[in-house]
Structures are given as C-alpha cells and as structure tokens.
C-alpha cells in the first residue's frame, strides 16, 4: 500500500495538533470554552473556504486536504 505525500502530511498535522491540544489542556492553558470557540471558528472558515480562497487556509487545504473533500466540506 502506497501512501501519498499529502496523506502523510495530513496525518502528521493531526498528530501534532492532537498532542498540542492535550499539552495545553494538561497545563491549563486551554479551557473547554476556548476549545469550543476554536472549533466554531474552524467550522466557519471551512464553510467560507468553499466559495472563497482565504489566504493561509487555502494553502493548507491545497497542500493537505483530500481532493474528494476540498469542494464538499474542506478542513
């Protein structure tokens, strides 16, 4: 089974973000309300990025999102 470079990048980003979130929660730097706010902002950016190319967000989607999801529900 050959895993393409984009998929490896996606997996590494998910692992890194997960570890960062756990670290921040364990050190009381991230509360549930802040985490919820981040999720809401991420959802809004995802919906907006379907129609508009948001700088930064578009780069991440272009380089790490799976092709079949980029036009349906990116992020």
PDB file of N, CA and C in Angstrom:
ATOM      1  N   UNK A   1       0.844  -1.175   0.000  1.00  0.00           N
ATOM      2  CA  UNK A   1       0.000   0.000   0.000  1.00  0.00           C
ATOM      3  C   UNK A   1       0.892   1.243   0.000  1.00  0.00           C
ATOM      4  N   UNK A   2       0.702   2.071  -0.998  1.00  0.00           N
ATOM      5  CA  UNK A   2       1.492   3.287  -1.112  1.00  0.00           C
ATOM      6  C   UNK A   2       0.676   4.463  -0.562  1.00  0.00           C
ATOM      7  N   UNK A   3       1.264   5.169   0.387  1.00  0.00           N
ATOM      8  CA  UNK A   3       0.604   6.347   0.948  1.00  0.00           C
ATOM      9  C   UNK A   3       1.250   7.567   0.318  1.00  0.00           C
ATOM     10  N   UNK A   4       0.418   8.447  -0.249  1.00  0.00           N
ATOM     11  CA  UNK A   4       0.977   9.615  -0.922  1.00  0.00           C
ATOM     12  C   UNK A   4       1.427  10.673   0.086  1.00  0.00           C
ATOM     13  N   UNK A   5       2.287  11.544  -0.391  1.00  0.00           N
ATOM     14  CA  UNK A   5       2.915  12.562   0.444  1.00  0.00           C
ATOM     15  C   UNK A   5       1.885  13.440   1.157  1.00  0.00           C
ATOM     16  N   UNK A   6       0.815  13.791   0.466  1.00  0.00           N
ATOM     17  CA  UNK A   6      -0.224  14.640   1.052  1.00  0.00           C
ATOM     18  C   UNK A   6      -0.876  13.952   2.251  1.00  0.00           C
ATOM     19  N   UNK A   7      -1.114  12.661   2.134  1.00  0.00           N
ATOM     20  CA  UNK A   7      -1.759  11.916   3.221  1.00  0.00           C
ATOM     21  C   UNK A   7      -0.844  11.820   4.442  1.00  0.00           C
ATOM     22  N   UNK A   8       0.441  11.655   4.211  1.00  0.00           N
ATOM     23  CA  UNK A   8       1.394  11.631   5.327  1.00  0.00           C
ATOM     24  C   UNK A   8       1.389  12.983   6.032  1.00  0.00           C
ATOM     25  N   UNK A   9       1.363  14.070   5.261  1.00  0.00           N
ATOM     26  CA  UNK A   9       1.298  15.409   5.841  1.00  0.00           C
ATOM     27  C   UNK A   9       0.036  15.600   6.661  1.00  0.00           C
ATOM     28  N   UNK A  10      -1.100  15.123   6.156  1.00  0.00           N
ATOM     29  CA  UNK A  10      -2.371  15.221   6.880  1.00  0.00           C
ATOM     30  C   UNK A  10      -2.272  14.500   8.217  1.00  0.00           C
ATOM     31  N   UNK A  11      -1.730  13.310   8.185  1.00  0.00           N
ATOM     32  CA  UNK A  11      -1.630  12.520   9.416  1.00  0.00           C
ATOM     33  C   UNK A  11      -0.698  13.180  10.426  1.00  0.00           C
ATOM     34  N   UNK A  12       0.413  13.728   9.939  1.00  0.00           N
ATOM     35  CA  UNK A  12       1.345  14.405  10.850  1.00  0.00           C
ATOM     36  C   UNK A  12       0.720  15.651  11.473  1.00  0.00           C
ATOM     37  N   UNK A  13      -0.052  16.393  10.693  1.00  0.00           N
ATOM     38  CA  UNK A  13      -0.742  17.574  11.229  1.00  0.00           C
ATOM     39  C   UNK A  13      -1.749  17.158  12.294  1.00  0.00           C
ATOM     40  N   UNK A  14      -2.511  16.099  12.040  1.00  0.00           N
ATOM     41  CA  UNK A  14      -3.486  15.635  13.030  1.00  0.00           C
ATOM     42  C   UNK A  14      -2.800  15.183  14.319  1.00  0.00           C
ATOM     43  N   UNK A  15      -1.710  14.469  14.196  1.00  0.00           N
ATOM     44  CA  UNK A  15      -0.969  14.015  15.380  1.00  0.00           C
ATOM     45  C   UNK A  15      -0.426  15.212  16.149  1.00  0.00           C
ATOM     46  N   UNK A  16       0.194  16.156  15.436  1.00  0.00           N
ATOM     47  CA  UNK A  16       0.774  17.332  16.096  1.00  0.00           C
ATOM     48  C   UNK A  16      -0.301  18.165  16.789  1.00  0.00           C
ATOM     49  N   UNK A  17      -1.413  18.417  16.104  1.00  0.00           N
ATOM     50  CA  UNK A  17      -2.485  19.203  16.720  1.00  0.00           C
ATOM     51  C   UNK A  17      -3.066  18.493  17.936  1.00  0.00           C
ATOM     52  N   UNK A  18      -3.226  17.191  17.845  1.00  0.00           N
ATOM     53  CA  UNK A  18      -3.727  16.429  18.984  1.00  0.00           C
ATOM     54  C   UNK A  18      -2.807  16.527  20.180  1.00  0.00           C
ATOM     55  N   UNK A  19      -1.506  16.377  19.937  1.00  0.00           N
ATOM     56  CA  UNK A  19      -0.532  16.473  21.028  1.00  0.00           C
ATOM     57  C   UNK A  19      -0.497  17.878  21.627  1.00  0.00           C
ATOM     58  N   UNK A  20      -0.578  18.893  20.779  1.00  0.00           N
ATOM     59  CA  UNK A  20      -0.581  20.272  21.262  1.00  0.00           C
ATOM     60  C   UNK A  20      -1.817  20.537  22.116  1.00  0.00           C
ATOM     61  N   UNK A  21      -2.969  20.077  21.669  1.00  0.00           N
ATOM     62  CA  UNK A  21      -4.207  20.273  22.435  1.00  0.00           C
ATOM     63  C   UNK A  21      -4.124  19.576  23.787  1.00  0.00           C
ATOM     64  N   UNK A  22      -3.645  18.341  23.814  1.00  0.00           N
ATOM     65  CA  UNK A  22      -3.502  17.613  25.079  1.00  0.00           C
ATOM     66  C   UNK A  22      -2.534  18.350  26.000  1.00  0.00           C
ATOM     67  N   UNK A  23      -1.399  18.804  25.475  1.00  0.00           N
ATOM     68  CA  UNK A  23      -0.420  19.537  26.273  1.00  0.00           C
ATOM     69  C   UNK A  23      -1.034  20.801  26.858  1.00  0.00           C
ATOM     70  N   UNK A  24      -1.759  21.558  26.035  1.00  0.00           N
ATOM     71  CA  UNK A  24      -2.369  22.804  26.505  1.00  0.00           C
ATOM     72  C   UNK A  24      -3.447  22.554  27.559  1.00  0.00           C
ATOM     73  N   UNK A  25      -4.231  21.500  27.389  1.00  0.00           N
ATOM     74  CA  UNK A  25      -5.262  21.170  28.379  1.00  0.00           C
ATOM     75  C   UNK A  25      -4.626  20.731  29.696  1.00  0.00           C
ATOM     76  N   UNK A  26      -3.611  19.886  29.619  1.00  0.00           N
ATOM     77  CA  UNK A  26      -2.949  19.402  30.831  1.00  0.00           C
ATOM     78  C   UNK A  26      -2.262  20.526  31.603  1.00  0.00           C
ATOM     79  N   UNK A  27      -1.834  21.561  30.910  1.00  0.00           N
ATOM     80  CA  UNK A  27      -1.172  22.688  31.560  1.00  0.00           C
ATOM     81  C   UNK A  27      -2.125  23.859  31.811  1.00  0.00           C
ATOM     82  N   UNK A  28      -3.414  23.574  31.731  1.00  0.00           N
ATOM     83  CA  UNK A  28      -4.461  24.570  31.991  1.00  0.00           C
ATOM     84  C   UNK A  28      -4.319  25.833  31.156  1.00  0.00           C
ATOM     85  N   UNK A  29      -3.852  25.688  29.931  1.00  0.00           N
ATOM     86  CA  UNK A  29      -3.728  26.817  29.020  1.00  0.00           C
ATOM     87  C   UNK A  29      -4.868  26.842  28.007  1.00  0.00           C
ATOM     88  N   UNK A  30      -5.653  25.783  27.988  1.00  0.00           N
ATOM     89  CA  UNK A  30      -6.760  25.681  27.040  1.00  0.00           C
ATOM     90  C   UNK A  30      -7.981  25.159  27.789  1.00  0.00           C
ATOM     91  N   UNK A  31      -9.007  25.995  27.860  1.00  0.00           N
ATOM     92  CA  UNK A  31     -10.240  25.586  28.537  1.00  0.00           C
ATOM     93  C   UNK A  31     -11.224  25.049  27.504  1.00  0.00           C
ATOM     94  N   UNK A  32     -12.285  24.443  27.989  1.00  0.00           N
ATOM     95  CA  UNK A  32     -13.282  23.902  27.073  1.00  0.00           C
ATOM     96  C   UNK A  32     -13.974  25.008  26.286  1.00  0.00           C
ATOM     97  N   UNK A  33     -14.158  26.171  26.901  1.00  0.00           N
ATOM     98  CA  UNK A  33     -14.807  27.268  26.177  1.00  0.00           C
ATOM     99  C   UNK A  33     -13.911  27.800  25.056  1.00  0.00           C
ATOM    100  N   UNK A  34     -12.611  27.884  25.292  1.00  0.00           N
ATOM    101  CA  UNK A  34     -11.686  28.321  24.243  1.00  0.00           C
ATOM    102  C   UNK A  34     -11.626  27.270  23.139  1.00  0.00           C
ATOM    103  N   UNK A  35     -11.598  26.005  23.506  1.00  0.00           N
ATOM    104  CA  UNK A  35     -11.583  24.926  22.520  1.00  0.00           C
ATOM    105  C   UNK A  35     -12.853  24.957  21.671  1.00  0.00           C
ATOM    106  N   UNK A  36     -13.992  25.203  22.309  1.00  0.00           N
ATOM    107  CA  UNK A  36     -15.254  25.311  21.575  1.00  0.00           C
ATOM    108  C   UNK A  36     -15.208  26.486  20.601  1.00  0.00           C
ATOM    109  N   UNK A  37     -14.662  27.617  21.044  1.00  0.00           N
ATOM    110  CA  UNK A  37     -14.541  28.792  20.182  1.00  0.00           C
ATOM    111  C   UNK A  37     -13.654  28.490  18.970  1.00  0.00           C
ATOM    112  N   UNK A  38     -12.564  27.787  19.188  1.00  0.00           N
ATOM    113  CA  UNK A  38     -11.672  27.402  18.090  1.00  0.00           C
ATOM    114  C   UNK A  38     -12.413  26.500  17.097  1.00  0.00           C
ATOM    115  N   UNK A  39     -13.208  25.564  17.605  1.00  0.00           N
ATOM    116  CA  UNK A  39     -13.976  24.679  16.731  1.00  0.00           C
ATOM    117  C   UNK A  39     -15.011  25.451  15.917  1.00  0.00           C
ATOM    118  N   UNK A  40     -15.684  26.412  16.539  1.00  0.00           N
ATOM    119  CA  UNK A  40     -16.682  27.219  15.828  1.00  0.00           C
ATOM    120  C   UNK A  40     -16.010  28.043  14.732  1.00  0.00           C
ATOM    121  N   UNK A  41     -14.889  28.675  15.060  1.00  0.00           N
ATOM    122  CA  UNK A  41     -14.152  29.464  14.067  1.00  0.00           C
ATOM    123  C   UNK A  41     -13.683  28.566  12.926  1.00  0.00           C
ATOM    124  N   UNK A  42     -13.184  27.372  13.254  1.00  0.00           N
ATOM    125  CA  UNK A  42     -12.765  26.422  12.220  1.00  0.00           C
ATOM    126  C   UNK A  42     -13.906  26.013  11.315  1.00  0.00           C
ATOM    127  N   UNK A  43     -15.084  25.790  11.900  1.00  0.00           N
ATOM    128  CA  UNK A  43     -16.263  25.433  11.113  1.00  0.00           C
ATOM    129  C   UNK A  43     -16.641  26.571  10.165  1.00  0.00           C
ATOM    130  N   UNK A  44     -16.650  27.791  10.682  1.00  0.00           N
ATOM    131  CA  UNK A  44     -16.990  28.957   9.861  1.00  0.00           C
ATOM    132  C   UNK A  44     -15.988  29.124   8.725  1.00  0.00           C
ATOM    133  N   UNK A  45     -14.696  28.999   9.024  1.00  0.00           N
ATOM    134  CA  UNK A  45     -13.671  29.106   7.982  1.00  0.00           C
ATOM    135  C   UNK A  45     -13.844  28.009   6.939  1.00  0.00           C
ATOM    136  N   UNK A  46     -14.217  26.822   7.379  1.00  0.00           N
ATOM    137  CA  UNK A  46     -14.422  25.717   6.447  1.00  0.00           C
ATOM    138  C   UNK A  46     -15.566  26.015   5.486  1.00  0.00           C
ATOM    139  N   UNK A  47     -16.664  26.526   6.017  1.00  0.00           N
ATOM    140  CA  UNK A  47     -17.815  26.846   5.175  1.00  0.00           C
ATOM    141  C   UNK A  47     -17.474  27.980   4.206  1.00  0.00           C
ATOM    142  N   UNK A  48     -16.808  29.020   4.702  1.00  0.00           N
ATOM    143  CA  UNK A  48     -16.442  30.156   3.848  1.00  0.00           C
ATOM    144  C   UNK A  48     -15.450  29.735   2.770  1.00  0.00           C
ATOM    145  N   UNK A  49     -14.539  28.817   3.115  1.00  0.00           N
ATOM    146  CA  UNK A  49     -13.495  28.423   2.159  1.00  0.00           C
ATOM    147  C   UNK A  49     -14.035  27.604   0.993  1.00  0.00           C
ATOM    148  N   UNK A  50     -15.291  27.197   1.053  1.00  0.00           N
ATOM    149  CA  UNK A  50     -15.884  26.506  -0.092  1.00  0.00           C
ATOM    150  C   UNK A  50     -16.019  27.481  -1.258  1.00  0.00           C
ATOM    151  N   UNK A  51     -16.379  28.738  -0.973  1.00  0.00           N
ATOM    152  CA  UNK A  51     -16.575  29.736  -2.027  1.00  0.00           C
ATOM    153  C   UNK A  51     -15.373  30.652  -2.237  1.00  0.00           C
ATOM    154  N   UNK A  52     -14.649  30.964  -1.165  1.00  0.00           N
ATOM    155  CA  UNK A  52     -13.573  31.953  -1.248  1.00  0.00           C
ATOM    156  C   UNK A  52     -12.231  31.332  -0.875  1.00  0.00           C
ATOM    157  N   UNK A  53     -11.175  31.846  -1.488  1.00  0.00           N
ATOM    158  CA  UNK A  53      -9.822  31.387  -1.179  1.00  0.00           C
ATOM    159  C   UNK A  53      -9.258  32.276  -0.078  1.00  0.00           C
ATOM    160  N   UNK A  54      -9.317  31.801   1.147  1.00  0.00           N
ATOM    161  CA  UNK A  54      -8.814  32.537   2.300  1.00  0.00           C
ATOM    162  C   UNK A  54      -7.310  32.290   2.389  1.00  0.00           C
ATOM    163  N   UNK A  55      -6.502  33.381   2.364  1.00  0.00           N
ATOM    164  CA  UNK A  55      -5.048  33.194   2.445  1.00  0.00           C
ATOM    165  C   UNK A  55      -4.668  32.385   3.691  1.00  0.00           C
ATOM    166  N   UNK A  56      -3.720  31.523   3.571  1.00  0.00           N
ATOM    167  CA  UNK A  56      -3.315  30.667   4.684  1.00  0.00           C
ATOM    168  C   UNK A  56      -4.163  29.408   4.734  1.00  0.00           C
ATOM    169  N   UNK A  57      -5.456  29.584   4.874  1.00  0.00           N
ATOM    170  CA  UNK A  57      -6.387  28.445   4.902  1.00  0.00           C
ATOM    171  C   UNK A  57      -6.352  27.735   3.553  1.00  0.00           C
ATOM    172  N   UNK A  58      -6.384  28.516   2.480  1.00  0.00           N
ATOM    173  CA  UNK A  58      -6.356  27.931   1.134  1.00  0.00           C
ATOM    174  C   UNK A  58      -5.056  27.154   0.908  1.00  0.00           C
ATOM    175  N   UNK A  59      -3.949  27.677   1.384  1.00  0.00           N
ATOM    176  CA  UNK A  59      -2.668  26.985   1.225  1.00  0.00           C
ATOM    177  C   UNK A  59      -2.702  25.625   1.931  1.00  0.00           C
ATOM    178  N   UNK A  60      -3.204  25.608   3.172  1.00  0.00           N
ATOM    179  CA  UNK A  60      -3.288  24.346   3.900  1.00  0.00           C
ATOM    180  C   UNK A  60      -4.217  23.361   3.192  1.00  0.00           C
ATOM    181  N   UNK A  61      -5.360  23.847   2.731  1.00  0.00           N
ATOM    182  CA  UNK A  61      -6.299  22.962   2.039  1.00  0.00           C
ATOM    183  C   UNK A  61      -5.708  22.423   0.749  1.00  0.00           C
ATOM    184  N   UNK A  62      -5.033  23.285   0.002  1.00  0.00           N
ATOM    185  CA  UNK A  62      -4.434  22.876  -1.270  1.00  0.00           C
ATOM    186  C   UNK A  62      -3.347  21.821  -1.054  1.00  0.00           C
ATOM    187  N   UNK A  63      -2.605  21.945   0.040  1.00  0.00           N
ATOM    188  CA  UNK A  63      -1.483  21.046   0.274  1.00  0.00           C
ATOM    189  C   UNK A  63      -1.802  19.814   1.114  1.00  0.00           C
ATOM    190  N   UNK A  64      -2.878  19.853   1.899  1.00  0.00           N
ATOM    191  CA  UNK A  64      -3.119  18.751   2.824  1.00  0.00           C
ATOM    192  C   UNK A  64      -4.507  18.131   2.749  1.00  0.00           C
ATOM    193  N   UNK A  65      -5.480  18.799   2.174  1.00  0.00           N
ATOM    194  CA  UNK A  65      -6.842  18.252   2.133  1.00  0.00           C
ATOM    195  C   UNK A  65      -6.964  17.203   1.041  1.00  0.00           C
ATOM    196  N   UNK A  66      -7.792  16.213   1.292  1.00  0.00           N
ATOM    197  CA  UNK A  66      -8.073  15.193   0.280  1.00  0.00           C
ATOM    198  C   UNK A  66      -8.904  15.820  -0.832  1.00  0.00           C
ATOM    199  N   UNK A  67      -8.601  15.437  -2.077  1.00  0.00           N
ATOM    200  CA  UNK A  67      -9.261  16.025  -3.235  1.00  0.00           C
ATOM    201  C   UNK A  67     -10.776  15.873  -3.204  1.00  0.00           C
ATOM    202  N   UNK A  68     -11.254  14.734  -2.727  1.00  0.00           N
ATOM    203  CA  UNK A  68     -12.699  14.496  -2.750  1.00  0.00           C
ATOM    204  C   UNK A  68     -13.467  15.344  -1.739  1.00  0.00           C
ATOM    205  N   UNK A  69     -12.775  15.939  -0.763  1.00  0.00           N
ATOM    206  CA  UNK A  69     -13.456  16.747   0.252  1.00  0.00           C
ATOM    207  C   UNK A  69     -13.256  18.248   0.085  1.00  0.00           C
ATOM    208  N   UNK A  70     -12.327  18.664  -0.735  1.00  0.00           N
ATOM    209  CA  UNK A  70     -11.973  20.079  -0.814  1.00  0.00           C
ATOM    210  C   UNK A  70     -13.117  20.951  -1.313  1.00  0.00           C
ATOM    211  N   UNK A  71     -14.017  20.413  -2.133  1.00  0.00           N
ATOM    212  CA  UNK A  71     -15.137  21.197  -2.650  1.00  0.00           C
ATOM    213  C   UNK A  71     -16.451  20.889  -1.927  1.00  0.00           C
ATOM    214  N   UNK A  72     -16.464  19.839  -1.122  1.00  0.00           N
ATOM    215  CA  UNK A  72     -17.687  19.457  -0.403  1.00  0.00           C
ATOM    216  C   UNK A  72     -17.700  20.090   0.994  1.00  0.00           C
ATOM    217  N   UNK A  73     -16.710  19.728   1.790  1.00  0.00           N
ATOM    218  CA  UNK A  73     -16.605  20.276   3.147  1.00  0.00           C
ATOM    219  C   UNK A  73     -15.138  20.226   3.555  1.00  0.00           C
ATOM    220  N   UNK A  74     -14.366  21.242   3.175  1.00  0.00           N
ATOM    221  CA  UNK A  74     -12.928  21.226   3.450  1.00  0.00           C
ATOM    222  C   UNK A  74     -12.605  21.395   4.924  1.00  0.00           C
ATOM    223  N   UNK A  75     -11.445  20.912   5.286  1.00  0.00           N
ATOM    224  CA  UNK A  75     -10.967  21.102   6.649  1.00  0.00           C
ATOM    225  C   UNK A  75     -11.415  20.012   7.555  1.00  0.00           C
TER     226      UNK A  75
END
